[in-house]
Amino acid sequence: MAVSQPATFNEEWSDERVFAYLNHLPPEGVNADYHVLYNAYKHMRANDFKRLLVQFTKDGRDIHATNLDGQTIHDVIAQFPKHRTEFLDVLKQF
């Protein structure tokens, strides 16, 4: 049985860790900007997501990028009740 890393909650994320998401490569055919936003949403807390969005938009990336179903990250987040308001409030700032 493999040893796994214990879960840690509410730890501070370094800039290096947050901004590393900007370089995540998408699977073939998936919009790179949407892929970054979706993975950041799945793994970050809202305040870290906001930090990422500041750099994301500064880099001229598309916050309205869509997935293969034509949905923006806003559309996807709106479907999930957990932390929905927190993340949507962050998106409204951009």
PDB file of N, CA and C in Angstrom:
ATOM      1  N   MET A   1       0.846  -1.182   0.000  1.00  0.00           N
ATOM      2  CA  MET A   1       0.000   0.000   0.000  1.00  0.00           C
ATOM      3  C   MET A   1       0.891   1.245   0.000  1.00  0.00           C
ATOM      4  N   ALA A   2       0.572   2.176  -0.856  1.00  0.00           N
ATOM      5  CA  ALA A   2       1.360   3.397  -0.978  1.00  0.00           C
ATOM      6  C   ALA A   2       1.078   4.340   0.191  1.00  0.00           C
ATOM      7  N   VAL A   3       2.092   5.036   0.607  1.00  0.00           N
ATOM      8  CA  VAL A   3       1.935   6.036   1.649  1.00  0.00           C
ATOM      9  C   VAL A   3       1.415   7.298   0.991  1.00  0.00           C
ATOM     10  N   SER A   4       0.394   7.889   1.583  1.00  0.00           N
ATOM     11  CA  SER A   4      -0.143   9.113   0.995  1.00  0.00           C
ATOM     12  C   SER A   4       0.145  10.286   1.927  1.00  0.00           C
ATOM     13  N   GLN A   5       0.140  11.441   1.326  1.00  0.00           N
ATOM     14  CA  GLN A   5       0.376  12.648   2.096  1.00  0.00           C
ATOM     15  C   GLN A   5      -0.891  12.981   2.876  1.00  0.00           C
ATOM     16  N   PRO A   6      -0.753  13.343   4.153  1.00  0.00           N
ATOM     17  CA  PRO A   6      -1.947  13.686   4.930  1.00  0.00           C
ATOM     18  C   PRO A   6      -2.590  14.957   4.383  1.00  0.00           C
ATOM     19  N   ALA A   7      -3.901  15.021   4.456  1.00  0.00           N
ATOM     20  CA  ALA A   7      -4.630  16.202   3.983  1.00  0.00           C
ATOM     21  C   ALA A   7      -4.327  17.380   4.900  1.00  0.00           C
ATOM     22  N   THR A   8      -4.172  18.538   4.289  1.00  0.00           N
ATOM     23  CA  THR A   8      -3.959  19.761   5.058  1.00  0.00           C
ATOM     24  C   THR A   8      -5.022  20.759   4.620  1.00  0.00           C
ATOM     25  N   PHE A   9      -5.599  21.437   5.569  1.00  0.00           N
ATOM     26  CA  PHE A   9      -6.672  22.375   5.266  1.00  0.00           C
ATOM     27  C   PHE A   9      -6.298  23.770   5.737  1.00  0.00           C
ATOM     28  N   ASN A  10      -6.753  24.768   4.998  1.00  0.00           N
ATOM     29  CA  ASN A  10      -6.560  26.173   5.342  1.00  0.00           C
ATOM     30  C   ASN A  10      -5.098  26.587   5.439  1.00  0.00           C
ATOM     31  N   GLU A  11      -4.236  25.921   4.703  1.00  0.00           N
ATOM     32  CA  GLU A  11      -2.838  26.330   4.678  1.00  0.00           C
ATOM     33  C   GLU A  11      -2.682  27.509   3.731  1.00  0.00           C
ATOM     34  N   GLU A  12      -1.693  28.335   3.993  1.00  0.00           N
ATOM     35  CA  GLU A  12      -1.403  29.451   3.105  1.00  0.00           C
ATOM     36  C   GLU A  12      -0.703  28.928   1.859  1.00  0.00           C
ATOM     37  N   TRP A  13      -1.176  29.355   0.706  1.00  0.00           N
ATOM     38  CA  TRP A  13      -0.546  28.972  -0.555  1.00  0.00           C
ATOM     39  C   TRP A  13       0.441  30.058  -0.949  1.00  0.00           C
ATOM     40  N   SER A  14       1.633  29.658  -1.336  1.00  0.00           N
ATOM     41  CA  SER A  14       2.636  30.604  -1.818  1.00  0.00           C
ATOM     42  C   SER A  14       2.233  31.098  -3.205  1.00  0.00           C
ATOM     43  N   ASP A  15       2.805  32.242  -3.603  1.00  0.00           N
ATOM     44  CA  ASP A  15       2.568  32.746  -4.961  1.00  0.00           C
ATOM     45  C   ASP A  15       3.006  31.708  -5.985  1.00  0.00           C
ATOM     46  N   GLU A  16       4.120  31.064  -5.716  1.00  0.00           N
ATOM     47  CA  GLU A  16       4.634  30.054  -6.641  1.00  0.00           C
ATOM     48  C   GLU A  16       3.604  28.941  -6.869  1.00  0.00           C
ATOM     49  N   ARG A  17       2.973  28.494  -5.804  1.00  0.00           N
ATOM     50  CA  ARG A  17       1.978  27.421  -5.927  1.00  0.00           C
ATOM     51  C   ARG A  17       0.732  27.900  -6.673  1.00  0.00           C
ATOM     52  N   VAL A  18       0.258  29.088  -6.323  1.00  0.00           N
ATOM     53  CA  VAL A  18      -0.939  29.633  -6.983  1.00  0.00           C
ATOM     54  C   VAL A  18      -0.673  29.852  -8.467  1.00  0.00           C
ATOM     55  N   PHE A  19       0.433  30.521  -8.785  1.00  0.00           N
ATOM     56  CA  PHE A  19       0.698  30.894 -10.164  1.00  0.00           C
ATOM     57  C   PHE A  19       1.153  29.721 -11.028  1.00  0.00           C
ATOM     58  N   ALA A  20       1.533  28.624 -10.405  1.00  0.00           N
ATOM     59  CA  ALA A  20       1.881  27.429 -11.179  1.00  0.00           C
ATOM     60  C   ALA A  20       0.678  26.938 -11.986  1.00  0.00           C
ATOM     61  N   TYR A  21      -0.535  27.222 -11.517  1.00  0.00           N
ATOM     62  CA  TYR A  21      -1.741  26.817 -12.246  1.00  0.00           C
ATOM     63  C   TYR A  21      -1.828  27.507 -13.605  1.00  0.00           C
ATOM     64  N   LEU A  22      -1.195  28.655 -13.752  1.00  0.00           N
ATOM     65  CA  LEU A  22      -1.218  29.377 -15.029  1.00  0.00           C
ATOM     66  C   LEU A  22      -0.529  28.593 -16.140  1.00  0.00           C
ATOM     67  N   ASN A  23       0.294  27.635 -15.759  1.00  0.00           N
ATOM     68  CA  ASN A  23       1.048  26.861 -16.738  1.00  0.00           C
ATOM     69  C   ASN A  23       0.492  25.461 -16.965  1.00  0.00           C
ATOM     70  N   HIS A  24      -0.650  25.141 -16.374  1.00  0.00           N
ATOM     71  CA  HIS A  24      -1.233  23.813 -16.579  1.00  0.00           C
ATOM     72  C   HIS A  24      -1.666  23.669 -18.035  1.00  0.00           C
ATOM     73  N   LEU A  25      -1.203  22.618 -18.650  1.00  0.00           N
ATOM     74  CA  LEU A  25      -1.540  22.372 -20.051  1.00  0.00           C
ATOM     75  C   LEU A  25      -2.836  21.575 -20.152  1.00  0.00           C
ATOM     76  N   PRO A  26      -3.689  21.956 -21.082  1.00  0.00           N
ATOM     77  CA  PRO A  26      -4.980  21.271 -21.230  1.00  0.00           C
ATOM     78  C   PRO A  26      -4.852  20.004 -22.059  1.00  0.00           C
ATOM     79  N   PRO A  27      -5.837  19.125 -21.914  1.00  0.00           N
ATOM     80  CA  PRO A  27      -5.913  17.992 -22.845  1.00  0.00           C
ATOM     81  C   PRO A  27      -6.167  18.529 -24.259  1.00  0.00           C
ATOM     82  N   GLU A  28      -5.858  17.736 -25.240  1.00  0.00           N
ATOM     83  CA  GLU A  28      -6.056  18.154 -26.628  1.00  0.00           C
ATOM     84  C   GLU A  28      -7.508  18.571 -26.868  1.00  0.00           C
ATOM     85  N   GLY A  29      -7.671  19.720 -27.514  1.00  0.00           N
ATOM     86  CA  GLY A  29      -8.996  20.210 -27.870  1.00  0.00           C
ATOM     87  C   GLY A  29      -9.654  21.080 -26.808  1.00  0.00           C
ATOM     88  N   VAL A  30      -9.078  21.164 -25.608  1.00  0.00           N
ATOM     89  CA  VAL A  30      -9.660  21.958 -24.533  1.00  0.00           C
ATOM     90  C   VAL A  30      -8.990  23.333 -24.519  1.00  0.00           C
ATOM     91  N   ASN A  31      -9.794  24.376 -24.378  1.00  0.00           N
ATOM     92  CA  ASN A  31      -9.278  25.733 -24.329  1.00  0.00           C
ATOM     93  C   ASN A  31      -8.343  25.877 -23.127  1.00  0.00           C
ATOM     94  N   ALA A  32      -7.137  26.373 -23.352  1.00  0.00           N
ATOM     95  CA  ALA A  32      -6.123  26.471 -22.295  1.00  0.00           C
ATOM     96  C   ALA A  32      -6.556  27.406 -21.169  1.00  0.00           C
ATOM     97  N   ASP A  33      -7.190  28.525 -21.515  1.00  0.00           N
ATOM     98  CA  ASP A  33      -7.619  29.459 -20.475  1.00  0.00           C
ATOM     99  C   ASP A  33      -8.733  28.854 -19.625  1.00  0.00           C
ATOM    100  N   TYR A  34      -9.681  28.193 -20.257  1.00  0.00           N
ATOM    101  CA  TYR A  34     -10.744  27.541 -19.487  1.00  0.00           C
ATOM    102  C   TYR A  34     -10.142  26.465 -18.578  1.00  0.00           C
ATOM    103  N   HIS A  35      -9.218  25.701 -19.090  1.00  0.00           N
ATOM    104  CA  HIS A  35      -8.593  24.619 -18.329  1.00  0.00           C
ATOM    105  C   HIS A  35      -7.932  25.158 -17.052  1.00  0.00           C
ATOM    106  N   VAL A  36      -7.212  26.264 -17.175  1.00  0.00           N
ATOM    107  CA  VAL A  36      -6.575  26.886 -16.012  1.00  0.00           C
ATOM    108  C   VAL A  36      -7.629  27.310 -15.000  1.00  0.00           C
ATOM    109  N   LEU A  37      -8.669  27.992 -15.461  1.00  0.00           N
ATOM    110  CA  LEU A  37      -9.710  28.478 -14.557  1.00  0.00           C
ATOM    111  C   LEU A  37     -10.431  27.333 -13.848  1.00  0.00           C
ATOM    112  N   TYR A  38     -10.755  26.297 -14.587  1.00  0.00           N
ATOM    113  CA  TYR A  38     -11.479  25.172 -14.005  1.00  0.00           C
ATOM    114  C   TYR A  38     -10.638  24.448 -12.953  1.00  0.00           C
ATOM    115  N   ASN A  39      -9.386  24.196 -13.266  1.00  0.00           N
ATOM    116  CA  ASN A  39      -8.535  23.499 -12.308  1.00  0.00           C
ATOM    117  C   ASN A  39      -8.254  24.355 -11.080  1.00  0.00           C
ATOM    118  N   ALA A  40      -8.093  25.634 -11.277  1.00  0.00           N
ATOM    119  CA  ALA A  40      -7.899  26.530 -10.137  1.00  0.00           C
ATOM    120  C   ALA A  40      -9.152  26.517  -9.262  1.00  0.00           C
ATOM    121  N   TYR A  41     -10.319  26.599  -9.859  1.00  0.00           N
ATOM    122  CA  TYR A  41     -11.574  26.557  -9.091  1.00  0.00           C
ATOM    123  C   TYR A  41     -11.687  25.257  -8.295  1.00  0.00           C
ATOM    124  N   LYS A  42     -11.354  24.151  -8.916  1.00  0.00           N
ATOM    125  CA  LYS A  42     -11.482  22.851  -8.251  1.00  0.00           C
ATOM    126  C   LYS A  42     -10.548  22.710  -7.057  1.00  0.00           C
ATOM    127  N   HIS A  43      -9.391  23.345  -7.096  1.00  0.00           N
ATOM    128  CA  HIS A  43      -8.363  23.077  -6.094  1.00  0.00           C
ATOM    129  C   HIS A  43      -8.071  24.216  -5.122  1.00  0.00           C
ATOM    130  N   MET A  44      -8.531  25.410  -5.422  1.00  0.00           N
ATOM    131  CA  MET A  44      -8.169  26.567  -4.600  1.00  0.00           C
ATOM    132  C   MET A  44      -9.326  27.049  -3.740  1.00  0.00           C
ATOM    133  N   ARG A  45      -8.949  27.778  -2.720  1.00  0.00           N
ATOM    134  CA  ARG A  45      -9.938  28.536  -1.955  1.00  0.00           C
ATOM    135  C   ARG A  45     -10.202  29.817  -2.734  1.00  0.00           C
ATOM    136  N   ALA A  46     -11.290  30.480  -2.420  1.00  0.00           N
ATOM    137  CA  ALA A  46     -11.686  31.671  -3.172  1.00  0.00           C
ATOM    138  C   ALA A  46     -10.615  32.762  -3.138  1.00  0.00           C
ATOM    139  N   ASN A  47      -9.962  32.962  -2.011  1.00  0.00           N
ATOM    140  CA  ASN A  47      -8.959  34.035  -1.947  1.00  0.00           C
ATOM    141  C   ASN A  47      -7.734  33.712  -2.810  1.00  0.00           C
ATOM    142  N   ASP A  48      -7.375  32.428  -2.921  1.00  0.00           N
ATOM    143  CA  ASP A  48      -6.270  32.045  -3.808  1.00  0.00           C
ATOM    144  C   ASP A  48      -6.695  32.144  -5.271  1.00  0.00           C
ATOM    145  N   PHE A  49      -7.951  31.790  -5.546  1.00  0.00           N
ATOM    146  CA  PHE A  49      -8.519  31.911  -6.886  1.00  0.00           C
ATOM    147  C   PHE A  49      -8.457  33.377  -7.339  1.00  0.00           C
ATOM    148  N   LYS A  50      -8.755  34.283  -6.426  1.00  0.00           N
ATOM    149  CA  LYS A  50      -8.702  35.708  -6.749  1.00  0.00           C
ATOM    150  C   LYS A  50      -7.268  36.124  -7.077  1.00  0.00           C
ATOM    151  N   ARG A  51      -6.310  35.662  -6.303  1.00  0.00           N
ATOM    152  CA  ARG A  51      -4.903  35.967  -6.577  1.00  0.00           C
ATOM    153  C   ARG A  51      -4.520  35.490  -7.972  1.00  0.00           C
ATOM    154  N   LEU A  52      -4.966  34.300  -8.331  1.00  0.00           N
ATOM    155  CA  LEU A  52      -4.674  33.764  -9.657  1.00  0.00           C
ATOM    156  C   LEU A  52      -5.326  34.633 -10.732  1.00  0.00           C
ATOM    157  N   LEU A  53      -6.575  35.043 -10.519  1.00  0.00           N
ATOM    158  CA  LEU A  53      -7.284  35.838 -11.523  1.00  0.00           C
ATOM    159  C   LEU A  53      -6.621  37.185 -11.772  1.00  0.00           C
ATOM    160  N   VAL A  54      -6.028  37.764 -10.737  1.00  0.00           N
ATOM    161  CA  VAL A  54      -5.324  39.032 -10.927  1.00  0.00           C
ATOM    162  C   VAL A  54      -4.220  38.852 -11.968  1.00  0.00           C
ATOM    163  N   GLN A  55      -3.410  37.827 -11.802  1.00  0.00           N
ATOM    164  CA  GLN A  55      -2.313  37.583 -12.758  1.00  0.00           C
ATOM    165  C   GLN A  55      -2.850  37.101 -14.107  1.00  0.00           C
ATOM    166  N   PHE A  56      -3.863  36.250 -14.077  1.00  0.00           N
ATOM    167  CA  PHE A  56      -4.491  35.703 -15.280  1.00  0.00           C
ATOM    168  C   PHE A  56      -4.948  36.838 -16.201  1.00  0.00           C
ATOM    169  N   THR A  57      -5.668  37.805 -15.630  1.00  0.00           N
ATOM    170  CA  THR A  57      -6.176  38.916 -16.440  1.00  0.00           C
ATOM    171  C   THR A  57      -5.054  39.874 -16.824  1.00  0.00           C
ATOM    172  N   LYS A  58      -4.073  40.049 -15.936  1.00  0.00           N
ATOM    173  CA  LYS A  58      -2.928  40.901 -16.248  1.00  0.00           C
ATOM    174  C   LYS A  58      -2.168  40.342 -17.453  1.00  0.00           C
ATOM    175  N   ASP A  59      -2.145  39.019 -17.565  1.00  0.00           N
ATOM    176  CA  ASP A  59      -1.479  38.354 -18.684  1.00  0.00           C
ATOM    177  C   ASP A  59      -2.307  38.403 -19.972  1.00  0.00           C
ATOM    178  N   GLY A  60      -3.510  38.993 -19.907  1.00  0.00           N
ATOM    179  CA  GLY A  60      -4.360  39.112 -21.088  1.00  0.00           C
ATOM    180  C   GLY A  60      -5.104  37.844 -21.454  1.00  0.00           C
ATOM    181  N   ARG A  61      -5.268  36.964 -20.486  1.00  0.00           N
ATOM    182  CA  ARG A  61      -5.957  35.703 -20.765  1.00  0.00           C
ATOM    183  C   ARG A  61      -7.463  35.902 -20.697  1.00  0.00           C
ATOM    184  N   ASP A  62      -8.209  34.979 -21.267  1.00  0.00           N
ATOM    185  CA  ASP A  62      -9.652  35.117 -21.475  1.00  0.00           C
ATOM    186  C   ASP A  62     -10.457  34.509 -20.328  1.00  0.00           C
ATOM    187  N   ILE A  63     -11.022  35.373 -19.492  1.00  0.00           N
ATOM    188  CA  ILE A  63     -11.826  34.912 -18.361  1.00  0.00           C
ATOM    189  C   ILE A  63     -13.179  34.364 -18.826  1.00  0.00           C
ATOM    190  N   HIS A  64     -13.527  34.635 -20.083  1.00  0.00           N
ATOM    191  CA  HIS A  64     -14.789  34.150 -20.656  1.00  0.00           C
ATOM    192  C   HIS A  64     -14.580  32.949 -21.578  1.00  0.00           C
ATOM    193  N   ALA A  65     -13.424  32.326 -21.469  1.00  0.00           N
ATOM    194  CA  ALA A  65     -13.144  31.126 -22.271  1.00  0.00           C
ATOM    195  C   ALA A  65     -14.175  30.048 -21.938  1.00  0.00           C
ATOM    196  N   THR A  66     -14.445  29.194 -22.913  1.00  0.00           N
ATOM    197  CA  THR A  66     -15.478  28.168 -22.718  1.00  0.00           C
ATOM    198  C   THR A  66     -14.906  26.755 -22.806  1.00  0.00           C
ATOM    199  N   ASN A  67     -15.657  25.848 -22.198  1.00  0.00           N
ATOM    200  CA  ASN A  67     -15.309  24.427 -22.290  1.00  0.00           C
ATOM    201  C   ASN A  67     -15.908  23.856 -23.575  1.00  0.00           C
ATOM    202  N   LEU A  68     -15.787  22.574 -23.759  1.00  0.00           N
ATOM    203  CA  LEU A  68     -16.280  21.944 -24.987  1.00  0.00           C
ATOM    204  C   LEU A  68     -17.803  22.005 -25.117  1.00  0.00           C
ATOM    205  N   ASP A  69     -18.492  22.283 -23.997  1.00  0.00           N
ATOM    206  CA  ASP A  69     -19.954  22.417 -24.023  1.00  0.00           C
ATOM    207  C   ASP A  69     -20.391  23.870 -24.158  1.00  0.00           C
ATOM    208  N   GLY A  70     -19.430  24.779 -24.347  1.00  0.00           N
ATOM    209  CA  GLY A  70     -19.755  26.192 -24.513  1.00  0.00           C
ATOM    210  C   GLY A  70     -20.004  26.927 -23.205  1.00  0.00           C
ATOM    211  N   GLN A  71     -19.633  26.334 -22.080  1.00  0.00           N
ATOM    212  CA  GLN A  71     -19.853  26.961 -20.778  1.00  0.00           C
ATOM    213  C   GLN A  71     -18.609  27.718 -20.329  1.00  0.00           C
ATOM    214  N   THR A  72     -18.825  28.899 -19.732  1.00  0.00           N
ATOM    215  CA  THR A  72     -17.726  29.635 -19.108  1.00  0.00           C
ATOM    216  C   THR A  72     -17.519  29.085 -17.706  1.00  0.00           C
ATOM    217  N   ILE A  73     -16.451  29.509 -17.063  1.00  0.00           N
ATOM    218  CA  ILE A  73     -16.214  29.061 -15.687  1.00  0.00           C
ATOM    219  C   ILE A  73     -17.340  29.557 -14.780  1.00  0.00           C
ATOM    220  N   HIS A  74     -17.880  30.728 -15.066  1.00  0.00           N
ATOM    221  CA  HIS A  74     -19.023  31.241 -14.294  1.00  0.00           C
ATOM    222  C   HIS A  74     -20.204  30.279 -14.398  1.00  0.00           C
ATOM    223  N   ASP A  75     -20.503  29.821 -15.611  1.00  0.00           N
ATOM    224  CA  ASP A  75     -21.611  28.889 -15.817  1.00  0.00           C
ATOM    225  C   ASP A  75     -21.418  27.612 -15.009  1.00  0.00           C
ATOM    226  N   VAL A  76     -20.209  27.104 -14.996  1.00  0.00           N
ATOM    227  CA  VAL A  76     -19.915  25.854 -14.299  1.00  0.00           C
ATOM    228  C   VAL A  76     -20.006  26.040 -12.788  1.00  0.00           C
ATOM    229  N   ILE A  77     -19.404  27.100 -12.281  1.00  0.00           N
ATOM    230  CA  ILE A  77     -19.441  27.351 -10.833  1.00  0.00           C
ATOM    231  C   ILE A  77     -20.872  27.532 -10.355  1.00  0.00           C
ATOM    232  N   ALA A  78     -21.692  28.189 -11.156  1.00  0.00           N
ATOM    233  CA  ALA A  78     -23.084  28.445 -10.770  1.00  0.00           C
ATOM    234  C   ALA A  78     -23.886  27.156 -10.571  1.00  0.00           C
ATOM    235  N   GLN A  79     -23.415  26.052 -11.117  1.00  0.00           N
ATOM    236  CA  GLN A  79     -24.120  24.772 -10.993  1.00  0.00           C
ATOM    237  C   GLN A  79     -23.865  24.068  -9.663  1.00  0.00           C
ATOM    238  N   PHE A  80     -22.821  24.481  -8.944  1.00  0.00           N
ATOM    239  CA  PHE A  80     -22.426  23.782  -7.727  1.00  0.00           C
ATOM    240  C   PHE A  80     -22.711  24.641  -6.507  1.00  0.00           C
ATOM    241  N   PRO A  81     -23.512  24.141  -5.575  1.00  0.00           N
ATOM    242  CA  PRO A  81     -23.890  24.953  -4.420  1.00  0.00           C
ATOM    243  C   PRO A  81     -22.751  25.239  -3.440  1.00  0.00           C
ATOM    244  N   LYS A  82     -21.800  24.331  -3.307  1.00  0.00           N
ATOM    245  CA  LYS A  82     -20.745  24.511  -2.317  1.00  0.00           C
ATOM    246  C   LYS A  82     -19.813  25.649  -2.737  1.00  0.00           C
ATOM    247  N   HIS A  83     -19.727  26.673  -1.931  1.00  0.00           N
ATOM    248  CA  HIS A  83     -18.860  27.833  -2.144  1.00  0.00           C
ATOM    249  C   HIS A  83     -19.209  28.625  -3.407  1.00  0.00           C
ATOM    250  N   ARG A  84     -20.359  28.353  -3.994  1.00  0.00           N
ATOM    251  CA  ARG A  84     -20.734  29.015  -5.250  1.00  0.00           C
ATOM    252  C   ARG A  84     -20.690  30.539  -5.117  1.00  0.00           C
ATOM    253  N   THR A  85     -21.351  31.076  -4.111  1.00  0.00           N
ATOM    254  CA  THR A  85     -21.442  32.525  -3.961  1.00  0.00           C
ATOM    255  C   THR A  85     -20.065  33.147  -3.791  1.00  0.00           C
ATOM    256  N   GLU A  86     -19.231  32.510  -2.994  1.00  0.00           N
ATOM    257  CA  GLU A  86     -17.889  33.013  -2.723  1.00  0.00           C
ATOM    258  C   GLU A  86     -17.079  33.152  -4.018  1.00  0.00           C
ATOM    259  N   PHE A  87     -17.098  32.120  -4.852  1.00  0.00           N
ATOM    260  CA  PHE A  87     -16.335  32.143  -6.102  1.00  0.00           C
ATOM    261  C   PHE A  87     -16.976  33.064  -7.141  1.00  0.00           C
ATOM    262  N   LEU A  88     -18.293  33.093  -7.204  1.00  0.00           N
ATOM    263  CA  LEU A  88     -18.950  33.983  -8.163  1.00  0.00           C
ATOM    264  C   LEU A  88     -18.710  35.440  -7.798  1.00  0.00           C
ATOM    265  N   ASP A  89     -18.648  35.744  -6.494  1.00  0.00           N
ATOM    266  CA  ASP A  89     -18.334  37.111  -6.070  1.00  0.00           C
ATOM    267  C   ASP A  89     -16.931  37.506  -6.515  1.00  0.00           C
ATOM    268  N   VAL A  90     -16.007  36.574  -6.448  1.00  0.00           N
ATOM    269  CA  VAL A  90     -14.638  36.838  -6.927  1.00  0.00           C
ATOM    270  C   VAL A  90     -14.666  37.108  -8.429  1.00  0.00           C
ATOM    271  N   LEU A  91     -15.369  36.289  -9.180  1.00  0.00           N
ATOM    272  CA  LEU A  91     -15.418  36.467 -10.650  1.00  0.00           C
ATOM    273  C   LEU A  91     -16.007  37.806 -11.045  1.00  0.00           C
ATOM    274  N   LYS A  92     -16.976  38.294 -10.287  1.00  0.00           N
ATOM    275  CA  LYS A  92     -17.622  39.583 -10.606  1.00  0.00           C
ATOM    276  C   LYS A  92     -16.635  40.734 -10.583  1.00  0.00           C
ATOM    277  N   GLN A  93     -15.526  40.563  -9.889  1.00  0.00           N
ATOM    278  CA  GLN A  93     -14.532  41.621  -9.771  1.00  0.00           C
ATOM    279  C   GLN A  93     -13.654  41.742 -11.022  1.00  0.00           C
ATOM    280  N   PHE A  94     -13.819  40.814 -11.957  1.00  0.00           N
ATOM    281  CA  PHE A  94     -12.931  40.789 -13.133  1.00  0.00           C
ATOM    282  C   PHE A  94     -13.691  40.926 -14.430  1.00  0.00           C
TER     283      PHE A  94
END
